[in-house]
Amino acid sequence: MLRKLLGCAAALIVFLNFGHATTLSGAIQATGATQVNKADIDATVDAAPEGRVSDQQIRMVDAGGHNVGIGVVHRPATNSSSGIVHDKQTEVYQILSGVGEMITGGTLTNPRPMNPMGATVRQLTGPSSFGTGIEGGESRRVVAGDMVIVPAGVPHGFGRIEEAITYLVIRVDPEQVVELK
């Protein structure tokens, strides 16, 4: 399953590079591919602390006019919820383990813009707002193997997490706000 996911991530990066270079008639040339080894992913998963949220960026590369990153997020079991919305960044989640309720769409409740100079914005999410929850969103059960695409501007978060969730996240940063890694 993880091998299939890594193949999808690599295909996404190649597609973004090729599509952008073709659109600009060769004005931007790709400098090569970036590999994220299974060992790097496994080490990041293993380093996630138990009992708290951990969001670790493994790589963020310039993919020809936009940045693309791969990271790992771990969320412990909980009954509480919160939400976030990214101004310009799209995310793709691949659930590696766990079971829970993901909420997308609707309206972020009590939104607060994140510090634009803070580490979270500069290293992970780009300009974003955090809220205490989501009203009117679509709730879906996610399990290991599921993938979810969250377009920029769509509030998202987790409600009840029955079993700690760990997921791979691919982040597309069209404004190249997030630092390269």
C-alpha atoms as a PDB file:
ATOM      1  CA  MET A   1       0.000   0.000   0.000  1.00  0.00           C
ATOM      2  CA  LEU A   2       2.776   2.423   0.940  1.00  0.00           C
ATOM      3  CA  ARG A   3       4.607   1.583  -2.296  1.00  0.00           C
ATOM      4  CA  LYS A   4       1.446   2.460  -4.239  1.00  0.00           C
ATOM      5  CA  LEU A   5       1.160   5.745  -2.322  1.00  0.00           C
ATOM      6  CA  LEU A   6       4.766   6.685  -3.016  1.00  0.00           C
ATOM      7  CA  GLY A   7       4.124   5.963  -6.684  1.00  0.00           C
ATOM      8  CA  CYS A   8       1.102   8.291  -6.609  1.00  0.00           C
ATOM      9  CA  ALA A   9       3.127  11.020  -4.898  1.00  0.00           C
ATOM     10  CA  ALA A  10       5.920  10.700  -7.449  1.00  0.00           C
ATOM     11  CA  ALA A  11       3.403  10.765 -10.299  1.00  0.00           C
ATOM     12  CA  LEU A  12       1.822  13.930  -8.861  1.00  0.00           C
ATOM     13  CA  ILE A  13       5.195  15.673  -8.688  1.00  0.00           C
ATOM     14  CA  VAL A  14       6.114  14.590 -12.234  1.00  0.00           C
ATOM     15  CA  PHE A  15       2.677  15.646 -13.521  1.00  0.00           C
ATOM     16  CA  LEU A  16       2.958  19.056 -11.886  1.00  0.00           C
ATOM     17  CA  ASN A  17       6.464  19.561 -13.278  1.00  0.00           C
ATOM     18  CA  PHE A  18       5.620  18.342 -16.781  1.00  0.00           C
ATOM     19  CA  GLY A  19       2.272  20.118 -16.985  1.00  0.00           C
ATOM     20  CA  HIS A  20       3.740  23.429 -15.867  1.00  0.00           C
ATOM     21  CA  ALA A  21       6.736  23.205 -18.196  1.00  0.00           C
ATOM     22  CA  THR A  22       4.503  22.298 -21.132  1.00  0.00           C
ATOM     23  CA  THR A  23       2.099  25.161 -20.417  1.00  0.00           C
ATOM     24  CA  LEU A  24       4.960  27.637 -20.432  1.00  0.00           C
ATOM     25  CA  SER A  25       6.525  26.140 -23.586  1.00  0.00           C
ATOM     26  CA  GLY A  26       9.740  25.231 -21.861  1.00  0.00           C
ATOM     27  CA  ALA A  27      10.184  28.537 -19.995  1.00  0.00           C
ATOM     28  CA  ILE A  28      10.686  26.548 -16.792  1.00  0.00           C
ATOM     29  CA  GLN A  29      12.772  23.405 -16.890  1.00  0.00           C
ATOM     30  CA  ALA A  30      12.547  20.739 -14.241  1.00  0.00           C
ATOM     31  CA  THR A  31      15.892  20.104 -12.564  1.00  0.00           C
ATOM     32  CA  GLY A  32      15.105  16.502 -11.697  1.00  0.00           C
ATOM     33  CA  ALA A  33      12.942  14.362  -9.490  1.00  0.00           C
ATOM     34  CA  THR A  34      12.996  14.175  -5.709  1.00  0.00           C
ATOM     35  CA  GLN A  35      12.683  10.807  -4.040  1.00  0.00           C
ATOM     36  CA  VAL A  36      11.278  10.364  -0.559  1.00  0.00           C
ATOM     37  CA  ASN A  37      12.423   6.948   0.614  1.00  0.00           C
ATOM     38  CA  LYS A  38      10.220   4.580   2.563  1.00  0.00           C
ATOM     39  CA  ALA A  39      12.879   4.677   5.287  1.00  0.00           C
ATOM     40  CA  ASP A  40      12.409   8.471   5.608  1.00  0.00           C
ATOM     41  CA  ILE A  41       8.644   8.079   5.869  1.00  0.00           C
ATOM     42  CA  ASP A  42       8.924   5.216   8.371  1.00  0.00           C
ATOM     43  CA  ALA A  43      11.413   7.168  10.511  1.00  0.00           C
ATOM     44  CA  THR A  44       9.083  10.177  10.541  1.00  0.00           C
ATOM     45  CA  VAL A  45       6.109   7.996  11.508  1.00  0.00           C
ATOM     46  CA  ASP A  46       8.154   6.301  14.259  1.00  0.00           C
ATOM     47  CA  ALA A  47       9.317   9.674  15.648  1.00  0.00           C
ATOM     48  CA  ALA A  48       5.754  10.991  16.084  1.00  0.00           C
ATOM     49  CA  PRO A  49       5.048  11.503  19.782  1.00  0.00           C
ATOM     50  CA  GLU A  50       2.213   9.516  21.318  1.00  0.00           C
ATOM     51  CA  GLY A  51      -0.716  11.433  22.758  1.00  0.00           C
ATOM     52  CA  ARG A  52      -0.384  14.677  20.790  1.00  0.00           C
ATOM     53  CA  VAL A  53      -0.643  16.011  17.255  1.00  0.00           C
ATOM     54  CA  SER A  54       2.572  15.902  15.261  1.00  0.00           C
ATOM     55  CA  ASP A  55       2.971  17.411  11.756  1.00  0.00           C
ATOM     56  CA  GLN A  56       6.416  16.838  10.247  1.00  0.00           C
ATOM     57  CA  GLN A  57       7.430  17.994   6.772  1.00  0.00           C
ATOM     58  CA  ILE A  58       9.818  15.501   5.157  1.00  0.00           C
ATOM     59  CA  ARG A  59      10.489  17.391   1.911  1.00  0.00           C
ATOM     60  CA  MET A  60       9.306  20.600   0.221  1.00  0.00           C
ATOM     61  CA  VAL A  61      10.685  21.166  -3.268  1.00  0.00           C
ATOM     62  CA  ASP A  62      10.333  23.723  -6.037  1.00  0.00           C
ATOM     63  CA  ALA A  63       8.298  21.902  -8.649  1.00  0.00           C
ATOM     64  CA  GLY A  64       8.581  24.510 -11.402  1.00  0.00           C
ATOM     65  CA  GLY A  65       6.682  27.603 -10.257  1.00  0.00           C
ATOM     66  CA  HIS A  66       5.057  26.103  -7.164  1.00  0.00           C
ATOM     67  CA  ASN A  67       6.283  24.085  -4.204  1.00  0.00           C
ATOM     68  CA  VAL A  68       5.233  20.503  -3.486  1.00  0.00           C
ATOM     69  CA  GLY A  69       5.842  18.895  -0.118  1.00  0.00           C
ATOM     70  CA  ILE A  70       5.458  15.517   1.524  1.00  0.00           C
ATOM     71  CA  GLY A  71       4.976  15.145   5.259  1.00  0.00           C
ATOM     72  CA  VAL A  72       3.497  12.922   7.935  1.00  0.00           C
ATOM     73  CA  VAL A  73       0.795  13.899  10.436  1.00  0.00           C
ATOM     74  CA  HIS A  74      -0.129  11.910  13.537  1.00  0.00           C
ATOM     75  CA  ARG A  75      -3.318  12.615  15.528  1.00  0.00           C
ATOM     76  CA  PRO A  76      -4.176  10.769  18.752  1.00  0.00           C
ATOM     77  CA  ALA A  77      -7.627   9.417  19.533  1.00  0.00           C
ATOM     78  CA  THR A  78      -9.962  12.235  20.629  1.00  0.00           C
ATOM     79  CA  ASN A  79     -13.574  13.350  20.800  1.00  0.00           C
ATOM     80  CA  SER A  80     -12.830  17.040  20.309  1.00  0.00           C
ATOM     81  CA  SER A  81     -12.713  18.826  16.986  1.00  0.00           C
ATOM     82  CA  SER A  82     -11.117  21.866  15.428  1.00  0.00           C
ATOM     83  CA  GLY A  83     -10.665  23.108  11.893  1.00  0.00           C
ATOM     84  CA  ILE A  84      -8.261  24.860   9.568  1.00  0.00           C
ATOM     85  CA  VAL A  85      -8.455  26.470   6.143  1.00  0.00           C
ATOM     86  CA  HIS A  86      -5.470  27.236   3.919  1.00  0.00           C
ATOM     87  CA  ASP A  87      -5.698  30.355   1.758  1.00  0.00           C
ATOM     88  CA  LYS A  88      -3.847  28.938  -1.266  1.00  0.00           C
ATOM     89  CA  GLN A  89      -2.479  25.512  -0.368  1.00  0.00           C
ATOM     90  CA  THR A  90      -4.099  22.263  -1.519  1.00  0.00           C
ATOM     91  CA  GLU A  91      -3.498  19.072   0.475  1.00  0.00           C
ATOM     92  CA  VAL A  92      -3.820  15.390  -0.415  1.00  0.00           C
ATOM     93  CA  TYR A  93      -4.091  12.940   2.495  1.00  0.00           C
ATOM     94  CA  GLN A  94      -3.319   9.202   2.423  1.00  0.00           C
ATOM     95  CA  ILE A  95      -4.433   7.561   5.666  1.00  0.00           C
ATOM     96  CA  LEU A  96      -1.662   5.159   6.722  1.00  0.00           C
ATOM     97  CA  SER A  97      -3.276   3.899   9.928  1.00  0.00           C
ATOM     98  CA  GLY A  98      -6.174   4.602  12.248  1.00  0.00           C
ATOM     99  CA  VAL A  99      -9.893   5.369  12.026  1.00  0.00           C
ATOM    100  CA  GLY A 100     -11.773   8.609  12.425  1.00  0.00           C
ATOM    101  CA  GLU A 101     -14.195  11.223  11.201  1.00  0.00           C
ATOM    102  CA  MET A 102     -12.904  13.896   8.803  1.00  0.00           C
ATOM    103  CA  ILE A 103     -14.971  17.014   8.203  1.00  0.00           C
ATOM    104  CA  THR A 104     -14.580  19.120   5.036  1.00  0.00           C
ATOM    105  CA  GLY A 105     -16.375  22.160   3.653  1.00  0.00           C
ATOM    106  CA  GLY A 106     -18.826  24.283   5.566  1.00  0.00           C
ATOM    107  CA  THR A 107     -17.720  27.284   7.602  1.00  0.00           C
ATOM    108  CA  LEU A 108     -14.809  27.537  10.014  1.00  0.00           C
ATOM    109  CA  THR A 109     -16.106  28.569  13.469  1.00  0.00           C
ATOM    110  CA  ASN A 110     -14.278  31.305  15.381  1.00  0.00           C
ATOM    111  CA  PRO A 111     -11.584  31.672  12.684  1.00  0.00           C
ATOM    112  CA  ARG A 112      -8.256  33.185  13.713  1.00  0.00           C
ATOM    113  CA  PRO A 113      -5.556  33.908  11.135  1.00  0.00           C
ATOM    114  CA  MET A 114      -2.294  32.149  11.914  1.00  0.00           C
ATOM    115  CA  ASN A 115       0.837  34.255  12.447  1.00  0.00           C
ATOM    116  CA  PRO A 116       2.210  34.801   8.906  1.00  0.00           C
ATOM    117  CA  MET A 117       5.757  34.773  10.284  1.00  0.00           C
ATOM    118  CA  GLY A 118       5.186  31.724  12.513  1.00  0.00           C
ATOM    119  CA  ALA A 119       6.882  28.382  11.932  1.00  0.00           C
ATOM    120  CA  THR A 120       3.616  26.593  11.047  1.00  0.00           C
ATOM    121  CA  VAL A 121       2.850  29.002   8.189  1.00  0.00           C
ATOM    122  CA  ARG A 122       6.449  29.177   6.928  1.00  0.00           C
ATOM    123  CA  GLN A 123       7.221  25.446   7.212  1.00  0.00           C
ATOM    124  CA  LEU A 124       3.890  23.645   6.682  1.00  0.00           C
ATOM    125  CA  THR A 125       0.622  25.356   5.763  1.00  0.00           C
ATOM    126  CA  GLY A 126       1.237  28.720   4.138  1.00  0.00           C
ATOM    127  CA  PRO A 127      -1.245  31.477   5.073  1.00  0.00           C
ATOM    128  CA  SER A 128      -4.104  29.807   6.975  1.00  0.00           C
ATOM    129  CA  SER A 129      -6.767  30.334   9.630  1.00  0.00           C
ATOM    130  CA  PHE A 130      -7.496  28.039  12.558  1.00  0.00           C
ATOM    131  CA  GLY A 131     -10.921  27.618  14.174  1.00  0.00           C
ATOM    132  CA  THR A 132     -12.671  25.837  17.009  1.00  0.00           C
ATOM    133  CA  GLY A 133     -14.670  23.673  14.611  1.00  0.00           C
ATOM    134  CA  ILE A 134     -16.581  23.509  11.342  1.00  0.00           C
ATOM    135  CA  GLU A 135     -20.300  24.225  10.877  1.00  0.00           C
ATOM    136  CA  GLY A 136     -22.218  22.653   8.010  1.00  0.00           C
ATOM    137  CA  GLY A 137     -19.341  20.569   6.660  1.00  0.00           C
ATOM    138  CA  GLU A 138     -19.463  17.076   5.198  1.00  0.00           C
ATOM    139  CA  SER A 139     -18.442  14.349   7.627  1.00  0.00           C
ATOM    140  CA  ARG A 140     -16.800  11.167   6.339  1.00  0.00           C
ATOM    141  CA  ARG A 141     -15.265   8.138   7.990  1.00  0.00           C
ATOM    142  CA  VAL A 142     -11.629   7.620   6.987  1.00  0.00           C
ATOM    143  CA  VAL A 143      -9.594   4.439   7.435  1.00  0.00           C
ATOM    144  CA  ALA A 144      -6.156   3.181   6.408  1.00  0.00           C
ATOM    145  CA  GLY A 145      -5.768   3.296   2.632  1.00  0.00           C
ATOM    146  CA  ASP A 146      -8.252   6.138   2.043  1.00  0.00           C
ATOM    147  CA  MET A 147      -7.152   9.294   0.236  1.00  0.00           C
ATOM    148  CA  VAL A 148      -8.782  12.716   0.508  1.00  0.00           C
ATOM    149  CA  ILE A 149      -8.036  15.786  -1.641  1.00  0.00           C
ATOM    150  CA  VAL A 150      -8.651  19.086   0.176  1.00  0.00           C
ATOM    151  CA  PRO A 151      -8.559  22.066  -2.227  1.00  0.00           C
ATOM    152  CA  ALA A 152      -7.271  25.451  -1.073  1.00  0.00           C
ATOM    153  CA  GLY A 153      -9.966  27.491   0.702  1.00  0.00           C
ATOM    154  CA  VAL A 154     -11.880  24.433   1.981  1.00  0.00           C
ATOM    155  CA  PRO A 155     -12.200  24.211   5.795  1.00  0.00           C
ATOM    156  CA  HIS A 156     -11.175  20.792   7.087  1.00  0.00           C
ATOM    157  CA  GLY A 157     -10.458  18.988  10.316  1.00  0.00           C
ATOM    158  CA  PHE A 158     -11.096  15.866  12.307  1.00  0.00           C
ATOM    159  CA  GLY A 159     -14.017  15.195  14.618  1.00  0.00           C
ATOM    160  CA  ARG A 160     -13.970  12.016  16.655  1.00  0.00           C
ATOM    161  CA  ILE A 161     -10.835   9.932  16.124  1.00  0.00           C
ATOM    162  CA  GLU A 162     -11.585   6.395  17.259  1.00  0.00           C
ATOM    163  CA  GLU A 163      -8.079   5.046  16.760  1.00  0.00           C
ATOM    164  CA  ALA A 164      -5.003   7.314  16.438  1.00  0.00           C
ATOM    165  CA  ILE A 165      -4.628   8.416  12.806  1.00  0.00           C
ATOM    166  CA  THR A 166      -1.361   8.748  10.935  1.00  0.00           C
ATOM    167  CA  TYR A 167      -1.428  10.067   7.402  1.00  0.00           C
ATOM    168  CA  LEU A 168       0.885  11.103   4.628  1.00  0.00           C
ATOM    169  CA  VAL A 169       0.150  14.630   3.389  1.00  0.00           C
ATOM    170  CA  ILE A 170       1.127  16.036   0.002  1.00  0.00           C
ATOM    171  CA  ARG A 171       1.014  19.837   0.021  1.00  0.00           C
ATOM    172  CA  VAL A 172       0.842  21.950  -3.140  1.00  0.00           C
ATOM    173  CA  ASP A 173       1.948  25.530  -2.446  1.00  0.00           C
ATOM    174  CA  PRO A 174       1.348  27.639  -5.590  1.00  0.00           C
ATOM    175  CA  GLU A 175       2.677  30.860  -4.027  1.00  0.00           C
ATOM    176  CA  GLN A 176       5.883  29.203  -2.803  1.00  0.00           C
ATOM    177  CA  VAL A 177       5.408  30.531   0.730  1.00  0.00           C
ATOM    178  CA  VAL A 178       6.529  27.362   2.506  1.00  0.00           C
ATOM    179  CA  GLU A 179      10.294  27.033   2.929  1.00  0.00           C
ATOM    180  CA  LEU A 180      12.082  24.444   0.819  1.00  0.00           C
ATOM    181  CA  LYS A 181      13.428  21.413   2.630  1.00  0.00           C
END
